[in-house]
C-alpha atoms as a PDB file:
ATOM      1  CA  MET A   1       0.000   0.000   0.000  1.00  0.00           C
ATOM      2  CA  ALA A   2       0.985   3.621  -0.299  1.00  0.00           C
ATOM      3  CA  MET A   3       3.584   4.414   2.330  1.00  0.00           C
ATOM      4  CA  LEU A   4       2.986   8.132   2.752  1.00  0.00           C
ATOM      5  CA  THR A   5       3.537   8.250   6.502  1.00  0.00           C
ATOM      6  CA  PHE A   6       4.300  10.785   9.181  1.00  0.00           C
ATOM      7  CA  PHE A   7       8.004  11.842   9.221  1.00  0.00           C
ATOM      8  CA  SER A   8       8.043  14.971  11.372  1.00  0.00           C
ATOM      9  CA  GLY A   9      10.476  14.908  14.258  1.00  0.00           C
ATOM     10  CA  ILE A  10      13.099  12.781  12.510  1.00  0.00           C
ATOM     11  CA  ALA A  11      15.509  15.597  11.751  1.00  0.00           C
ATOM     12  CA  SER A  12      15.503  16.795  15.343  1.00  0.00           C
ATOM     13  CA  ASN A  13      15.600  13.291  16.798  1.00  0.00           C
ATOM     14  CA  PRO A  14      17.597  10.798  14.675  1.00  0.00           C
ATOM     15  CA  MET A  15      17.046   8.187  17.408  1.00  0.00           C
ATOM     16  CA  VAL A  16      13.489   7.867  16.082  1.00  0.00           C
ATOM     17  CA  LEU A  17      14.788   6.777  12.711  1.00  0.00           C
ATOM     18  CA  LEU A  18      17.300   4.394  14.277  1.00  0.00           C
ATOM     19  CA  LEU A  19      14.675   2.705  16.456  1.00  0.00           C
ATOM     20  CA  ALA A  20      12.238   2.480  13.550  1.00  0.00           C
ATOM     21  CA  PHE A  21      14.954   1.048  11.310  1.00  0.00           C
ATOM     22  CA  LEU A  22      15.911  -1.599  13.859  1.00  0.00           C
ATOM     23  CA  GLY A  23      12.262  -2.422  14.529  1.00  0.00           C
ATOM     24  CA  GLY A  24      11.590  -2.804  10.810  1.00  0.00           C
ATOM     25  CA  THR A  25      14.791  -4.596   9.839  1.00  0.00           C
ATOM     26  CA  ILE A  26      15.318  -7.140  12.622  1.00  0.00           C
ATOM     27  CA  PRO A  27      12.039  -9.039  11.978  1.00  0.00           C
ATOM     28  CA  ALA A  28      12.798  -9.089   8.231  1.00  0.00           C
ATOM     29  CA  VAL A  29      16.283 -10.480   8.896  1.00  0.00           C
ATOM     30  CA  LEU A  30      14.820 -13.171  11.160  1.00  0.00           C
ATOM     31  CA  TRP A  31      12.417 -14.213   8.402  1.00  0.00           C
ATOM     32  CA  LEU A  32      15.313 -14.236   5.924  1.00  0.00           C
ATOM     33  CA  LEU A  33      17.307 -16.573   8.171  1.00  0.00           C
ATOM     34  CA  PHE A  34      14.264 -18.824   8.346  1.00  0.00           C
ATOM     35  CA  TRP A  35      13.989 -19.036   4.560  1.00  0.00           C
ATOM     36  CA  LEU A  36      17.732 -19.483   4.109  1.00  0.00           C
ATOM     37  CA  SER A  37      17.470 -22.624   6.213  1.00  0.00           C
ATOM     38  CA  GLU A  38      15.525 -24.070   3.277  1.00  0.00           C
ATOM     39  CA  ASP A  39      18.777 -23.917   1.256  1.00  0.00           C
ATOM     40  CA  ARG A  40      21.110 -25.061   4.028  1.00  0.00           C
ATOM     41  CA  ASP A  41      22.710 -27.845   1.940  1.00  0.00           C
ATOM     42  CA  ASP A  42      24.251 -25.386  -0.523  1.00  0.00           C
ATOM     43  CA  PRO A  43      24.002 -21.841   0.920  1.00  0.00           C
ATOM     44  CA  GLU A  44      24.296 -18.774  -1.260  1.00  0.00           C
ATOM     45  CA  PRO A  45      27.102 -16.173  -0.903  1.00  0.00           C
ATOM     46  CA  THR A  46      26.359 -13.874   2.028  1.00  0.00           C
ATOM     47  CA  THR A  47      27.541 -10.781   0.141  1.00  0.00           C
ATOM     48  CA  LEU A  48      25.166 -11.460  -2.727  1.00  0.00           C
ATOM     49  CA  LEU A  49      22.264 -12.026  -0.349  1.00  0.00           C
ATOM     50  CA  VAL A  50      23.022  -8.757   1.461  1.00  0.00           C
ATOM     51  CA  LEU A  51      23.197  -6.856  -1.838  1.00  0.00           C
ATOM     52  CA  THR A  52      19.849  -8.332  -2.888  1.00  0.00           C
ATOM     53  CA  PHE A  53      18.342  -7.411   0.489  1.00  0.00           C
ATOM     54  CA  ILE A  54      19.596  -3.821   0.117  1.00  0.00           C
ATOM     55  CA  SER A  55      18.314  -3.691  -3.460  1.00  0.00           C
ATOM     56  CA  GLY A  56      14.882  -4.611  -2.112  1.00  0.00           C
ATOM     57  CA  MET A  57      15.104  -1.754   0.380  1.00  0.00           C
ATOM     58  CA  LEU A  58      15.957   0.688  -2.399  1.00  0.00           C
ATOM     59  CA  ALA A  59      12.912  -0.514  -4.340  1.00  0.00           C
ATOM     60  CA  VAL A  60      10.747   1.068  -1.628  1.00  0.00           C
ATOM     61  CA  ILE A  61      12.140   4.476  -2.569  1.00  0.00           C
ATOM     62  CA  LEU A  62      11.264   3.844  -6.210  1.00  0.00           C
ATOM     63  CA  VAL A  63       7.747   2.630  -5.488  1.00  0.00           C
ATOM     64  CA  LEU A  64       6.781   5.722  -3.476  1.00  0.00           C
ATOM     65  CA  PRO A  65       6.306   8.090  -6.456  1.00  0.00           C
ATOM     66  CA  ILE A  66       4.540   5.321  -8.383  1.00  0.00           C
ATOM     67  CA  GLN A  67       2.073   4.776  -5.568  1.00  0.00           C
ATOM     68  CA  LYS A  68       1.633   8.520  -5.179  1.00  0.00           C
ATOM     69  CA  TYR A  69       0.613   8.646  -8.835  1.00  0.00           C
ATOM     70  CA  ILE A  70      -1.725   5.658  -8.392  1.00  0.00           C
ATOM     71  CA  SER A  71      -3.438   7.483  -5.527  1.00  0.00           C
ATOM     72  CA  THR A  72      -4.428  10.260  -7.975  1.00  0.00           C
ATOM     73  CA  LEU A  73      -6.227   7.876 -10.337  1.00  0.00           C
ATOM     74  CA  HIS A  74     -10.011   7.948 -10.310  1.00  0.00           C
ATOM     75  CA  TYR A  75     -10.586   4.213 -10.107  1.00  0.00           C
ATOM     76  CA  GLN A  76     -12.606   2.111  -7.731  1.00  0.00           C
ATOM     77  CA  ASN A  77     -10.890   1.433  -4.445  1.00  0.00           C
ATOM     78  CA  THR A  78     -10.560  -2.279  -5.243  1.00  0.00           C
ATOM     79  CA  ILE A  79      -8.674  -1.522  -8.446  1.00  0.00           C
ATOM     80  CA  LEU A  80      -6.365   0.877  -6.624  1.00  0.00           C
ATOM     81  CA  ILE A  81      -5.595  -1.789  -4.014  1.00  0.00           C
ATOM     82  CA  PHE A  82      -4.455  -4.210  -6.701  1.00  0.00           C
ATOM     83  CA  LEU A  83      -2.486  -1.488  -8.496  1.00  0.00           C
ATOM     84  CA  TYR A  84      -0.641  -0.764  -5.250  1.00  0.00           C
ATOM     85  CA  ALA A  85       0.051  -4.462  -4.841  1.00  0.00           C
ATOM     86  CA  GLY A  86       1.199  -4.782  -8.441  1.00  0.00           C
ATOM     87  CA  SER A  87       3.620  -1.876  -8.152  1.00  0.00           C
ATOM     88  CA  GLU A  88       5.262  -3.468  -5.118  1.00  0.00           C
ATOM     89  CA  GLU A  89       5.530  -6.954  -6.620  1.00  0.00           C
ATOM     90  CA  ILE A  90       7.001  -5.634  -9.877  1.00  0.00           C
ATOM     91  CA  LEU A  91       9.525  -3.415  -8.079  1.00  0.00           C
ATOM     92  CA  LYS A  92      10.582  -6.323  -5.852  1.00  0.00           C
ATOM     93  CA  TYR A  93      11.175  -8.398  -8.979  1.00  0.00           C
ATOM     94  CA  PHE A  94      13.236  -5.592 -10.520  1.00  0.00           C
ATOM     95  CA  ALA A  95      15.282  -5.422  -7.318  1.00  0.00           C
ATOM     96  CA  PHE A  96      15.986  -9.128  -7.737  1.00  0.00           C
ATOM     97  CA  THR A  97      16.957  -8.859 -11.409  1.00  0.00           C
ATOM     98  CA  ALA A  98      19.156  -5.798 -10.788  1.00  0.00           C
ATOM     99  CA  ILE A  99      21.495  -7.907  -8.649  1.00  0.00           C
ATOM    100  CA  ILE A 100      20.968 -11.497  -9.774  1.00  0.00           C
ATOM    101  CA  SER A 101      20.288 -11.250 -13.498  1.00  0.00           C
ATOM    102  CA  LYS A 102      22.816 -13.506 -15.325  1.00  0.00           C
ATOM    103  CA  ASN A 103      24.743 -14.036 -12.087  1.00  0.00           C
ATOM    104  CA  PRO A 104      26.538 -17.430 -12.139  1.00  0.00           C
ATOM    105  CA  ASN A 105      25.385 -18.088  -8.560  1.00  0.00           C
ATOM    106  CA  LEU A 106      21.827 -18.404  -9.869  1.00  0.00           C
ATOM    107  CA  ASN A 107      22.498 -22.007 -10.831  1.00  0.00           C
ATOM    108  CA  LYS A 108      19.834 -24.061  -9.013  1.00  0.00           C
ATOM    109  CA  PRO A 109      16.021 -24.011  -9.090  1.00  0.00           C
ATOM    110  CA  VAL A 110      15.814 -23.157  -5.373  1.00  0.00           C
ATOM    111  CA  ASP A 111      18.002 -20.079  -5.891  1.00  0.00           C
ATOM    112  CA  TYR A 112      15.102 -18.203  -7.497  1.00  0.00           C
ATOM    113  CA  PRO A 113      12.846 -18.107  -4.432  1.00  0.00           C
ATOM    114  CA  ILE A 114      15.833 -17.614  -2.120  1.00  0.00           C
ATOM    115  CA  TYR A 115      17.002 -14.432  -3.841  1.00  0.00           C
ATOM    116  CA  LEU A 116      13.501 -13.150  -4.573  1.00  0.00           C
ATOM    117  CA  ILE A 117      12.590 -13.574  -0.912  1.00  0.00           C
ATOM    118  CA  ALA A 118      15.800 -11.770   0.080  1.00  0.00           C
ATOM    119  CA  ALA A 119      14.744  -8.805  -2.088  1.00  0.00           C
ATOM    120  CA  ALA A 120      11.187  -8.977  -0.707  1.00  0.00           C
ATOM    121  CA  LEU A 121      12.371  -8.925   2.893  1.00  0.00           C
ATOM    122  CA  GLY A 122      14.623  -5.964   2.178  1.00  0.00           C
ATOM    123  CA  PHE A 123      11.550  -4.223   0.798  1.00  0.00           C
ATOM    124  CA  ALA A 124       9.544  -5.194   3.882  1.00  0.00           C
ATOM    125  CA  ALA A 125      12.303  -3.978   6.205  1.00  0.00           C
ATOM    126  CA  LEU A 126      12.234  -0.401   4.909  1.00  0.00           C
ATOM    127  CA  GLU A 127       8.457  -0.404   4.503  1.00  0.00           C
ATOM    128  CA  ASN A 128       8.103  -1.486   8.129  1.00  0.00           C
ATOM    129  CA  THR A 129      10.569   1.219   9.151  1.00  0.00           C
ATOM    130  CA  PHE A 130       8.319   3.854   7.619  1.00  0.00           C
ATOM    131  CA  TYR A 131       5.266   2.485   9.380  1.00  0.00           C
ATOM    132  CA  LEU A 132       7.032   2.478  12.761  1.00  0.00           C
ATOM    133  CA  ILE A 133       8.209   6.084  12.584  1.00  0.00           C
ATOM    134  CA  HIS A 134       4.903   7.641  13.658  1.00  0.00           C
ATOM    135  CA  PRO A 135       4.205   5.572  16.808  1.00  0.00           C
ATOM    136  CA  ILE A 136       7.827   5.944  17.916  1.00  0.00           C
ATOM    137  CA  THR A 137       7.714   9.698  17.263  1.00  0.00           C
ATOM    138  CA  VAL A 138       4.679  10.134  19.499  1.00  0.00           C
ATOM    139  CA  ASN A 139       6.304   7.959  22.186  1.00  0.00           C
ATOM    140  CA  ASN A 140       3.555   5.380  22.055  1.00  0.00           C
ATOM    141  CA  ALA A 141       5.341   2.189  23.102  1.00  0.00           C
ATOM    142  CA  THR A 142       2.191   0.055  22.973  1.00  0.00           C
ATOM    143  CA  LEU A 143       1.309   1.192  19.470  1.00  0.00           C
ATOM    144  CA  SER A 144       4.900   0.657  18.362  1.00  0.00           C
ATOM    145  CA  PHE A 145       4.885  -2.870  19.779  1.00  0.00           C
ATOM    146  CA  LEU A 146       1.568  -3.766  18.178  1.00  0.00           C
ATOM    147  CA  THR A 147       2.502  -2.207  14.837  1.00  0.00           C
ATOM    148  CA  GLY A 148       5.829  -4.013  14.767  1.00  0.00           C
ATOM    149  CA  ASN A 149       4.376  -7.369  15.713  1.00  0.00           C
ATOM    150  CA  LEU A 150       1.415  -7.193  13.339  1.00  0.00           C
ATOM    151  CA  ARG A 151       3.696  -6.302  10.452  1.00  0.00           C
ATOM    152  CA  PHE A 152       6.131  -9.029  11.520  1.00  0.00           C
ATOM    153  CA  LEU A 153       3.292 -11.546  11.410  1.00  0.00           C
ATOM    154  CA  GLY A 154       1.359 -10.151   8.498  1.00  0.00           C
ATOM    155  CA  SER A 155       3.035  -7.821   6.027  1.00  0.00           C
ATOM    156  CA  THR A 156       6.551  -9.247   6.291  1.00  0.00           C
ATOM    157  CA  LEU A 157       5.274 -12.784   5.809  1.00  0.00           C
ATOM    158  CA  LEU A 158       3.083 -11.562   2.943  1.00  0.00           C
ATOM    159  CA  HIS A 159       6.046 -10.051   1.078  1.00  0.00           C
ATOM    160  CA  SER A 160       8.147 -13.172   1.445  1.00  0.00           C
ATOM    161  CA  ALA A 161       5.234 -15.431   0.462  1.00  0.00           C
ATOM    162  CA  THR A 162       4.294 -13.500  -2.677  1.00  0.00           C
ATOM    163  CA  SER A 163       7.885 -13.262  -3.888  1.00  0.00           C
ATOM    164  CA  GLY A 164       8.324 -16.903  -2.914  1.00  0.00           C
ATOM    165  CA  ILE A 165       5.438 -17.796  -5.242  1.00  0.00           C
ATOM    166  CA  LEU A 166       7.156 -16.003  -8.120  1.00  0.00           C
ATOM    167  CA  GLY A 167      10.472 -17.651  -7.262  1.00  0.00           C
ATOM    168  CA  ILE A 168       8.855 -21.100  -7.088  1.00  0.00           C
ATOM    169  CA  SER A 169       7.276 -20.511 -10.502  1.00  0.00           C
ATOM    170  CA  LEU A 170      10.636 -19.603 -12.021  1.00  0.00           C
ATOM    171  CA  GLY A 171      12.393 -22.461 -10.237  1.00  0.00           C
ATOM    172  CA  LEU A 172       9.906 -25.068 -11.461  1.00  0.00           C
ATOM    173  CA  ALA A 173      10.595 -23.907 -15.041  1.00  0.00           C
ATOM    174  CA  PHE A 174      14.373 -24.199 -14.554  1.00  0.00           C
ATOM    175  CA  PHE A 175      14.794 -26.972 -17.170  1.00  0.00           C
ATOM    176  CA  GLN A 176      12.292 -25.576 -19.641  1.00  0.00           C
ATOM    177  CA  ASP A 177      12.866 -23.404 -22.708  1.00  0.00           C
ATOM    178  CA  SER A 178      12.987 -19.614 -22.614  1.00  0.00           C
ATOM    179  CA  PHE A 179       9.339 -19.143 -23.594  1.00  0.00           C
ATOM    180  CA  SER A 180       8.119 -21.571 -20.945  1.00  0.00           C
ATOM    181  CA  ARG A 181      10.244 -19.881 -18.268  1.00  0.00           C
ATOM    182  CA  THR A 182       8.882 -16.466 -19.273  1.00  0.00           C
ATOM    183  CA  LEU A 183       5.310 -17.754 -19.208  1.00  0.00           C
ATOM    184  CA  SER A 184       5.841 -19.446 -15.838  1.00  0.00           C
ATOM    185  CA  GLY A 185       7.345 -16.237 -14.440  1.00  0.00           C
ATOM    186  CA  PHE A 186       4.414 -14.195 -15.737  1.00  0.00           C
ATOM    187  CA  ILE A 187       1.906 -16.574 -14.157  1.00  0.00           C
ATOM    188  CA  GLY A 188       3.880 -16.462 -10.908  1.00  0.00           C
ATOM    189  CA  LEU A 189       3.900 -12.661 -10.927  1.00  0.00           C
ATOM    190  CA  ILE A 190       0.162 -12.444 -11.575  1.00  0.00           C
ATOM    191  CA  THR A 191      -0.470 -14.946  -8.780  1.00  0.00           C
ATOM    192  CA  ALA A 192       1.739 -12.938  -6.416  1.00  0.00           C
ATOM    193  CA  ILE A 193      -0.108  -9.709  -7.251  1.00  0.00           C
ATOM    194  CA  ALA A 194      -3.460 -11.453  -6.789  1.00  0.00           C
ATOM    195  CA  LEU A 195      -2.465 -12.799  -3.356  1.00  0.00           C
ATOM    196  CA  HIS A 196      -1.005  -9.458  -2.262  1.00  0.00           C
ATOM    197  CA  GLY A 197      -4.023  -7.494  -3.439  1.00  0.00           C
ATOM    198  CA  THR A 198      -6.487  -9.953  -1.915  1.00  0.00           C
ATOM    199  CA  PHE A 199      -4.678  -9.794   1.441  1.00  0.00           C
ATOM    200  CA  ASN A 200      -4.812  -5.997   1.430  1.00  0.00           C
ATOM    201  CA  PHE A 201      -8.435  -5.973   0.275  1.00  0.00           C
ATOM    202  CA  PHE A 202      -9.683  -8.115   3.145  1.00  0.00           C
ATOM    203  CA  ILE A 203      -7.511  -6.396   5.752  1.00  0.00           C
ATOM    204  CA  MET A 204      -8.581  -2.895   4.691  1.00  0.00           C
ATOM    205  CA  GLY A 205     -12.144  -3.715   3.693  1.00  0.00           C
ATOM    206  CA  ASN A 206     -13.033  -4.972   7.156  1.00  0.00           C
ATOM    207  CA  ASN A 207     -10.732  -2.695   9.168  1.00  0.00           C
ATOM    208  CA  GLY A 208      -8.603  -5.710  10.053  1.00  0.00           C
ATOM    209  CA  GLU A 209     -11.482  -7.505  11.797  1.00  0.00           C
ATOM    210  CA  ASN A 210     -10.781 -10.750   9.930  1.00  0.00           C
ATOM    211  CA  PHE A 211      -7.017 -10.528  10.362  1.00  0.00           C
ATOM    212  CA  LEU A 212      -6.726 -13.983  11.936  1.00  0.00           C
ATOM    213  CA  GLN A 213      -8.593 -15.681   9.088  1.00  0.00           C
ATOM    214  CA  VAL A 214      -6.562 -13.912   6.407  1.00  0.00           C
ATOM    215  CA  PHE A 215      -3.358 -14.522   8.326  1.00  0.00           C
ATOM    216  CA  GLY A 216      -4.250 -18.216   8.656  1.00  0.00           C
ATOM    217  CA  PHE A 217      -4.726 -18.475   4.899  1.00  0.00           C
ATOM    218  CA  LEU A 218      -1.375 -16.760   4.391  1.00  0.00           C
ATOM    219  CA  TRP A 219       0.295 -19.367   6.580  1.00  0.00           C
ATOM    220  CA  VAL A 220      -1.304 -22.131   4.493  1.00  0.00           C
ATOM    221  CA  VAL A 221       0.263 -20.543   1.402  1.00  0.00           C
ATOM    222  CA  THR A 222       3.596 -20.325   3.210  1.00  0.00           C
ATOM    223  CA  ILE A 223       3.479 -24.015   4.142  1.00  0.00           C
ATOM    224  CA  ILE A 224       2.786 -24.896   0.502  1.00  0.00           C
ATOM    225  CA  ILE A 225       5.799 -22.810  -0.517  1.00  0.00           C
ATOM    226  CA  MET A 226       7.941 -24.657   2.024  1.00  0.00           C
ATOM    227  CA  LEU A 227       6.836 -27.980   0.531  1.00  0.00           C
ATOM    228  CA  LEU A 228       7.664 -26.752  -2.955  1.00  0.00           C
ATOM    229  CA  PHE A 229      11.111 -25.705  -1.689  1.00  0.00           C
ATOM    230  CA  GLU A 230      11.756 -29.415  -1.098  1.00  0.00           C
ATOM    231  CA  LYS A 231      10.814 -30.189  -4.710  1.00  0.00           C
ATOM    232  CA  LEU A 232      13.188 -27.479  -5.943  1.00  0.00           C
ATOM    233  CA  ARG A 233      15.974 -28.880  -3.749  1.00  0.00           C
ATOM    234  CA  ARG A 234      15.522 -32.301  -5.349  1.00  0.00           C
ATOM    235  CA  MET A 235      15.652 -30.676  -8.761  1.00  0.00           C
ATOM    236  CA  GLY A 236      18.866 -28.945  -7.668  1.00  0.00           C
ATOM    237  CA  ASN A 237      20.378 -32.273  -6.664  1.00  0.00           C
ATOM    238  CA  TYR A 238      19.767 -33.448 -10.214  1.00  0.00           C
ATOM    239  CA  VAL A 239      21.583 -30.371 -11.542  1.00  0.00           C
ATOM    240  CA  GLN A 240      24.588 -31.074  -9.291  1.00  0.00           C
ATOM    241  CA  ARG A 241      24.753 -34.729 -10.392  1.00  0.00           C
ATOM    242  CA  PHE A 242      24.493 -33.680 -14.019  1.00  0.00           C
ATOM    243  CA  GLN A 243      27.243 -31.086 -13.634  1.00  0.00           C
ATOM    244  CA  GLY A 244      29.401 -33.511 -11.671  1.00  0.00           C
END
């Protein structure tokens, strides 16, 4: 969603920004460590993962003017919600390609969701930072705690799940021809946008009243992604045997 939040007080109190940054980044890093455990047999270079994470953070800066423009469009609210979601999913993918495109380390099916999730969690880290600035600025510890935890459970998981879907789609097409990989990636992107937009629609449409139901569904999606990680790992083992 549009991240036009309250920033007053930052210049006079840089501690606000530091606390918000730590509160937004630490949960995202914890989720990243969780997902990296899915590739523990052949871990990716730490430097490359960090660069992808940072690239995802920078994508937030790029999406802000896009979402500001979207907010001026005279469309139904539902359409705007999905346009917001689409802008974020596309920018996260660009953050991934900016670092990983044609990189020799992208050599296994499971690498696609790993690096896409790294970019997504970088995006979530800075997005969460922006959301935490206001409650920290007004010295509302309870609001800060609730905001941080809800975004840790909801939005951060959402970003990793949607990018994971796209990564799984690309990984499953690892052995296919260029057209099939492009088509699979397109389907994965559309699915990610649909999930992201649907999550936001139900959260906003009911003022968060059905958060637990939507969050439960999101966890079901995450579990499916974890199962598909295992399939991609087996495909990767085939690649290693073939190369060996």
